[in-house]
C-alpha atoms as a PDB file:
ATOM      1  CA  MET A   1     -21.332 -13.028   1.569  1.00  0.00           C
ATOM      2  CA  LYS A   2     -18.640 -15.558   2.525  1.00  0.00           C
ATOM      3  CA  ARG A   3     -16.116 -13.657   0.439  1.00  0.00           C
ATOM      4  CA  ARG A   4     -16.955 -10.412   2.267  1.00  0.00           C
ATOM      5  CA  GLN A   5     -16.639 -12.170   5.640  1.00  0.00           C
ATOM      6  CA  LEU A   6     -13.239 -13.558   4.613  1.00  0.00           C
ATOM      7  CA  PHE A   7     -12.175 -10.068   3.579  1.00  0.00           C
ATOM      8  CA  VAL A   8     -13.250  -8.572   6.926  1.00  0.00           C
ATOM      9  CA  ILE A   9     -11.584 -11.381   8.903  1.00  0.00           C
ATOM     10  CA  THR A  10      -8.413 -10.927   6.866  1.00  0.00           C
ATOM     11  CA  LEU A  11      -8.361  -7.171   7.444  1.00  0.00           C
ATOM     12  CA  LEU A  12      -8.945  -7.612  11.164  1.00  0.00           C
ATOM     13  CA  THR A  13      -6.230 -10.254  11.450  1.00  0.00           C
ATOM     14  CA  ILE A  14      -3.769  -8.180   9.455  1.00  0.00           C
ATOM     15  CA  GLY A  15      -4.670  -5.073  11.405  1.00  0.00           C
ATOM     16  CA  LEU A  16      -4.067  -6.776  14.719  1.00  0.00           C
ATOM     17  CA  VAL A  17      -0.677  -8.109  13.671  1.00  0.00           C
ATOM     18  CA  SER A  18       0.351  -5.018  11.713  1.00  0.00           C
ATOM     19  CA  CYS A  19      -0.523  -2.531  14.392  1.00  0.00           C
ATOM     20  CA  SER A  20       0.261  -4.557  17.505  1.00  0.00           C
ATOM     21  CA  ASP A  21       3.737  -3.105  17.821  1.00  0.00           C
ATOM     22  CA  GLN A  22       2.945   0.527  17.183  1.00  0.00           C
ATOM     23  CA  LYS A  23       6.090   1.672  19.006  1.00  0.00           C
ATOM     24  CA  ASN A  24       8.309  -0.067  16.457  1.00  0.00           C
ATOM     25  CA  ALA A  25       6.174   1.001  13.519  1.00  0.00           C
ATOM     26  CA  ASN A  26       6.415   4.641  14.534  1.00  0.00           C
ATOM     27  CA  THR A  27      10.180   4.580  14.978  1.00  0.00           C
ATOM     28  CA  ILE A  28      10.937   3.238  11.510  1.00  0.00           C
ATOM     29  CA  SER A  29      11.688   5.919   8.986  1.00  0.00           C
ATOM     30  CA  SER A  30      13.296   6.153   5.617  1.00  0.00           C
ATOM     31  CA  SER A  31      17.004   6.820   5.925  1.00  0.00           C
ATOM     32  CA  ASP A  32      17.137   7.812   2.277  1.00  0.00           C
ATOM     33  CA  PRO A  33      15.828  11.386   1.864  1.00  0.00           C
ATOM     34  CA  GLU A  34      15.881  11.023  -1.925  1.00  0.00           C
ATOM     35  CA  PRO A  35      14.031   7.848  -2.938  1.00  0.00           C
ATOM     36  CA  ARG A  36      15.748   5.705  -5.539  1.00  0.00           C
ATOM     37  CA  LEU A  37      12.813   5.998  -7.865  1.00  0.00           C
ATOM     38  CA  LEU A  38      13.918   3.792 -10.701  1.00  0.00           C
ATOM     39  CA  THR A  39      16.449   1.614  -8.939  1.00  0.00           C
ATOM     40  CA  ILE A  40      15.339  -1.859  -7.960  1.00  0.00           C
ATOM     41  CA  GLN A  41      16.630  -2.789  -4.552  1.00  0.00           C
ATOM     42  CA  SER A  42      17.686  -6.405  -4.091  1.00  0.00           C
ATOM     43  CA  ALA A  43      15.111  -9.125  -3.434  1.00  0.00           C
ATOM     44  CA  ARG A  44      11.994  -7.153  -4.283  1.00  0.00           C
ATOM     45  CA  TRP A  45       8.989  -8.760  -5.969  1.00  0.00           C
ATOM     46  CA  TYR A  46       8.810  -6.423  -8.956  1.00  0.00           C
ATOM     47  CA  THR A  47      10.851  -5.817 -12.084  1.00  0.00           C
ATOM     48  CA  GLN A  48      12.428  -2.681 -13.534  1.00  0.00           C
ATOM     49  CA  THR A  49       9.923  -2.865 -16.400  1.00  0.00           C
ATOM     50  CA  GLN A  50       7.039  -2.724 -13.920  1.00  0.00           C
ATOM     51  CA  VAL A  51       8.599   0.250 -12.136  1.00  0.00           C
ATOM     52  CA  THR A  52       9.111   2.164 -15.381  1.00  0.00           C
ATOM     53  CA  ARG A  53       5.545   1.479 -16.500  1.00  0.00           C
ATOM     54  CA  GLY A  54       4.191   2.173 -13.015  1.00  0.00           C
ATOM     55  CA  GLN A  55       5.765   5.613 -12.857  1.00  0.00           C
ATOM     56  CA  GLY A  56       3.733   6.850 -15.823  1.00  0.00           C
ATOM     57  CA  LEU A  57       0.554   5.166 -14.640  1.00  0.00           C
ATOM     58  CA  TYR A  58       0.989   6.614 -11.151  1.00  0.00           C
ATOM     59  CA  GLN A  59       1.440  10.121 -12.545  1.00  0.00           C
ATOM     60  CA  MET A  60      -1.674   9.688 -14.691  1.00  0.00           C
ATOM     61  CA  HIS A  61      -4.015   8.149 -12.083  1.00  0.00           C
ATOM     62  CA  CYS A  62      -2.640   8.791  -8.580  1.00  0.00           C
ATOM     63  CA  ALA A  63      -0.425  11.890  -8.465  1.00  0.00           C
ATOM     64  CA  GLU A  64      -3.300  14.368  -8.366  1.00  0.00           C
ATOM     65  CA  CYS A  65      -4.237  13.191  -4.871  1.00  0.00           C
ATOM     66  CA  HIS A  66      -1.119  11.422  -3.547  1.00  0.00           C
ATOM     67  CA  LYS A  67       1.277  14.011  -5.102  1.00  0.00           C
ATOM     68  CA  PRO A  68       3.777  13.321  -7.890  1.00  0.00           C
ATOM     69  CA  ASP A  69       6.457  12.181  -5.428  1.00  0.00           C
ATOM     70  CA  ALA A  70       4.022   9.961  -3.445  1.00  0.00           C
ATOM     71  CA  SER A  71       4.309  12.262  -0.404  1.00  0.00           C
ATOM     72  CA  GLY A  72       0.523  12.541   0.017  1.00  0.00           C
ATOM     73  CA  THR A  73      -1.053  14.684   2.703  1.00  0.00           C
ATOM     74  CA  THR A  74       0.927  15.529   5.829  1.00  0.00           C
ATOM     75  CA  GLU A  75      -2.169  15.343   8.064  1.00  0.00           C
ATOM     76  CA  TRP A  76      -3.332  12.026   6.601  1.00  0.00           C
ATOM     77  CA  ARG A  77      -4.752  10.816   9.956  1.00  0.00           C
ATOM     78  CA  THR A  78      -7.021  13.854  10.411  1.00  0.00           C
ATOM     79  CA  LEU A  79     -10.499  13.814   8.901  1.00  0.00           C
ATOM     80  CA  ASP A  80     -11.118  16.512   6.312  1.00  0.00           C
ATOM     81  CA  ALA A  81     -14.118  18.867   6.187  1.00  0.00           C
ATOM     82  CA  ASN A  82     -16.199  16.074   4.630  1.00  0.00           C
ATOM     83  CA  GLY A  83     -15.348  13.643   7.435  1.00  0.00           C
ATOM     84  CA  LYS A  84     -13.060  11.593   5.172  1.00  0.00           C
ATOM     85  CA  LEU A  85      -9.422  10.646   5.559  1.00  0.00           C
ATOM     86  CA  PRO A  86      -7.222  12.555   3.096  1.00  0.00           C
ATOM     87  CA  PRO A  87      -4.768  10.819   0.739  1.00  0.00           C
ATOM     88  CA  PRO A  88      -1.895   9.387   2.785  1.00  0.00           C
ATOM     89  CA  PRO A  89       1.735   9.396   1.726  1.00  0.00           C
ATOM     90  CA  LEU A  90       2.611   6.242  -0.209  1.00  0.00           C
ATOM     91  CA  ASN A  91       6.361   6.729   0.144  1.00  0.00           C
ATOM     92  CA  GLY A  92       6.887   4.622   3.256  1.00  0.00           C
ATOM     93  CA  THR A  93       6.234   7.377   5.791  1.00  0.00           C
ATOM     94  CA  ALA A  94       2.572   6.584   6.458  1.00  0.00           C
ATOM     95  CA  HIS A  95       0.563   3.401   6.931  1.00  0.00           C
ATOM     96  CA  THR A  96       0.558   1.934   3.406  1.00  0.00           C
ATOM     97  CA  TRP A  97       3.515  -0.357   4.084  1.00  0.00           C
ATOM     98  CA  HIS A  98       1.588  -2.021   6.926  1.00  0.00           C
ATOM     99  CA  HIS A  99      -0.707  -3.737   4.424  1.00  0.00           C
ATOM    100  CA  PRO A 100       0.031  -6.900   2.422  1.00  0.00           C
ATOM    101  CA  LEU A 101       0.104  -6.776  -1.344  1.00  0.00           C
ATOM    102  CA  SER A 102      -3.343  -8.363  -1.589  1.00  0.00           C
ATOM    103  CA  VAL A 103      -4.881  -5.524   0.460  1.00  0.00           C
ATOM    104  CA  LEU A 104      -3.002  -2.848  -1.485  1.00  0.00           C
ATOM    105  CA  ARG A 105      -4.260  -4.347  -4.743  1.00  0.00           C
ATOM    106  CA  ARG A 106      -7.822  -4.555  -3.400  1.00  0.00           C
ATOM    107  CA  THR A 107      -7.690  -0.956  -2.202  1.00  0.00           C
ATOM    108  CA  VAL A 108      -6.623   0.291  -5.627  1.00  0.00           C
ATOM    109  CA  ARG A 109      -9.257  -1.864  -7.341  1.00  0.00           C
ATOM    110  CA  HIS A 110     -12.170  -1.005  -5.029  1.00  0.00           C
ATOM    111  CA  GLY A 111     -11.107   2.327  -3.549  1.00  0.00           C
ATOM    112  CA  GLY A 112     -10.727   3.651  -0.051  1.00  0.00           C
ATOM    113  CA  VAL A 113     -14.334   4.596   0.689  1.00  0.00           C
ATOM    114  CA  PRO A 114     -14.978   1.379   2.698  1.00  0.00           C
ATOM    115  CA  LEU A 115     -11.913   2.264   4.791  1.00  0.00           C
ATOM    116  CA  GLY A 116     -13.029   5.828   5.581  1.00  0.00           C
ATOM    117  CA  GLY A 117     -11.341   7.612   2.692  1.00  0.00           C
ATOM    118  CA  SER A 118     -12.582   9.065  -0.550  1.00  0.00           C
ATOM    119  CA  MET A 119     -10.343   7.291  -3.055  1.00  0.00           C
ATOM    120  CA  PRO A 120     -12.370   5.878  -5.941  1.00  0.00           C
ATOM    121  CA  GLY A 121     -11.857   2.366  -7.189  1.00  0.00           C
ATOM    122  CA  PHE A 122      -9.825   1.879 -10.347  1.00  0.00           C
ATOM    123  CA  SER A 123     -10.980  -1.577 -11.418  1.00  0.00           C
ATOM    124  CA  ASP A 124     -12.703  -0.066 -14.449  1.00  0.00           C
ATOM    125  CA  LYS A 125      -9.602   1.927 -15.472  1.00  0.00           C
ATOM    126  CA  LEU A 126      -6.611  -0.257 -14.580  1.00  0.00           C
ATOM    127  CA  SER A 127      -5.802  -3.898 -15.243  1.00  0.00           C
ATOM    128  CA  ALA A 128      -4.260  -6.121 -12.578  1.00  0.00           C
ATOM    129  CA  GLU A 129      -0.886  -5.733 -14.309  1.00  0.00           C
ATOM    130  CA  GLN A 130      -1.190  -1.942 -14.304  1.00  0.00           C
ATOM    131  CA  ILE A 131      -2.083  -1.924 -10.603  1.00  0.00           C
ATOM    132  CA  ASP A 132       0.970  -4.065  -9.858  1.00  0.00           C
ATOM    133  CA  ALA A 133       3.130  -1.675 -11.867  1.00  0.00           C
ATOM    134  CA  ILE A 134       1.864   1.294  -9.851  1.00  0.00           C
ATOM    135  CA  LEU A 135       2.466  -0.559  -6.584  1.00  0.00           C
ATOM    136  CA  ALA A 136       5.969  -1.456  -7.782  1.00  0.00           C
ATOM    137  CA  TRP A 137       6.756   2.199  -8.468  1.00  0.00           C
ATOM    138  CA  ILE A 138       5.361   3.214  -5.084  1.00  0.00           C
ATOM    139  CA  GLN A 139       7.497   0.624  -3.307  1.00  0.00           C
ATOM    140  CA  THR A 140      10.684   2.016  -4.863  1.00  0.00           C
ATOM    141  CA  HIS A 141      10.139   4.935  -2.496  1.00  0.00           C
ATOM    142  CA  TRP A 142      10.330   2.627   0.520  1.00  0.00           C
ATOM    143  CA  SER A 143      13.652   2.208   2.294  1.00  0.00           C
ATOM    144  CA  ASP A 144      15.162  -1.257   2.377  1.00  0.00           C
ATOM    145  CA  GLU A 145      14.213  -1.529   6.075  1.00  0.00           C
ATOM    146  CA  ILE A 146      10.567  -0.573   5.466  1.00  0.00           C
ATOM    147  CA  TYR A 147      10.416  -2.988   2.533  1.00  0.00           C
ATOM    148  CA  ARG A 148      11.969  -5.800   4.608  1.00  0.00           C
ATOM    149  CA  ILE A 149       9.374  -5.372   7.361  1.00  0.00           C
ATOM    150  CA  TRP A 150       6.581  -5.095   4.799  1.00  0.00           C
ATOM    151  CA  HIS A 151       7.788  -8.265   3.079  1.00  0.00           C
ATOM    152  CA  GLU A 152       7.736 -10.188   6.375  1.00  0.00           C
ATOM    153  CA  ARG A 153       4.195  -8.974   7.100  1.00  0.00           C
ATOM    154  CA  ASP A 154       3.087  -9.809   3.569  1.00  0.00           C
ATOM    155  CA  ASN A 155       4.427 -13.353   3.974  1.00  0.00           C
ATOM    156  CA  GLN A 156       2.677 -13.717   7.349  1.00  0.00           C
ATOM    157  CA  ALA A 157      -0.605 -12.494   5.884  1.00  0.00           C
ATOM    158  CA  ASN A 158      -0.351 -14.914   2.967  1.00  0.00           C
ATOM    159  CA  THR A 159       0.357 -17.795   5.346  1.00  0.00           C
ATOM    160  CA  ARG A 160      -2.719 -16.887   7.432  1.00  0.00           C
ATOM    161  CA  LEU A 161      -4.899 -16.571   4.339  1.00  0.00           C
ATOM    162  CA  GLN A 162      -3.866 -20.023   3.148  1.00  0.00           C
ATOM    163  CA  SER A 163      -4.750 -21.438   6.583  1.00  0.00           C
ATOM    164  CA  ILE A 164      -8.165 -19.760   6.512  1.00  0.00           C
ATOM    165  CA  LYS A 165      -8.876 -21.035   2.997  1.00  0.00           C
ATOM    166  CA  LYS A 166      -7.946 -24.600   4.007  1.00  0.00           C
ATOM    167  CA  GLY A 167      -9.911 -24.509   7.286  1.00  0.00           C
END
C-alpha cells in the first residue's frame, strides 16, 4: 500500500511540475523533420547498442499501436469509442517526454490502463534491459531541445523521489 501511495504522490508531483508551464510545453516542437534514428546525440543516457537493439524490439512489440516511426495517433488526446485514450506519438510531439524515465519504464512494465489508456503491460514479455533499449530508440526521435527539457525534468523528479524516500 505504501508503495502505491508513493507512486501516486510521485505522479501527482511530476504532473504538477511537468504540466505547470503548458504554454512552453506546447510551443516546443521538433526542428528535425527526419529523426536521426540511429544517431546518438551528445550527452544522452543510452548507448548506440541499446538504440540498435531497441529498434528491433520496438518494431516487434510497440509499432503495431504506436506506428513503426513512433508517430502514434494524431488524436491521442481524444477518447476512442471504448472510452480509452489511443496510442500517443512517442516521437517527441506528444506528452511522453513530460515523464521521467522511471515513469516511462513503469508504464511499459505495467501498461497504460491505470492512466486511462489500453496499453497492456509488458513485464512478462520484456526484461528491464529490453525496456530501456526500447526507450532509448524512442528518445532518438526527440530533438535535442525536447531531450534537454526532458533530462532536466527527469533530474528534478529523481531529486524529489530521493527526498521523499529519505523523509
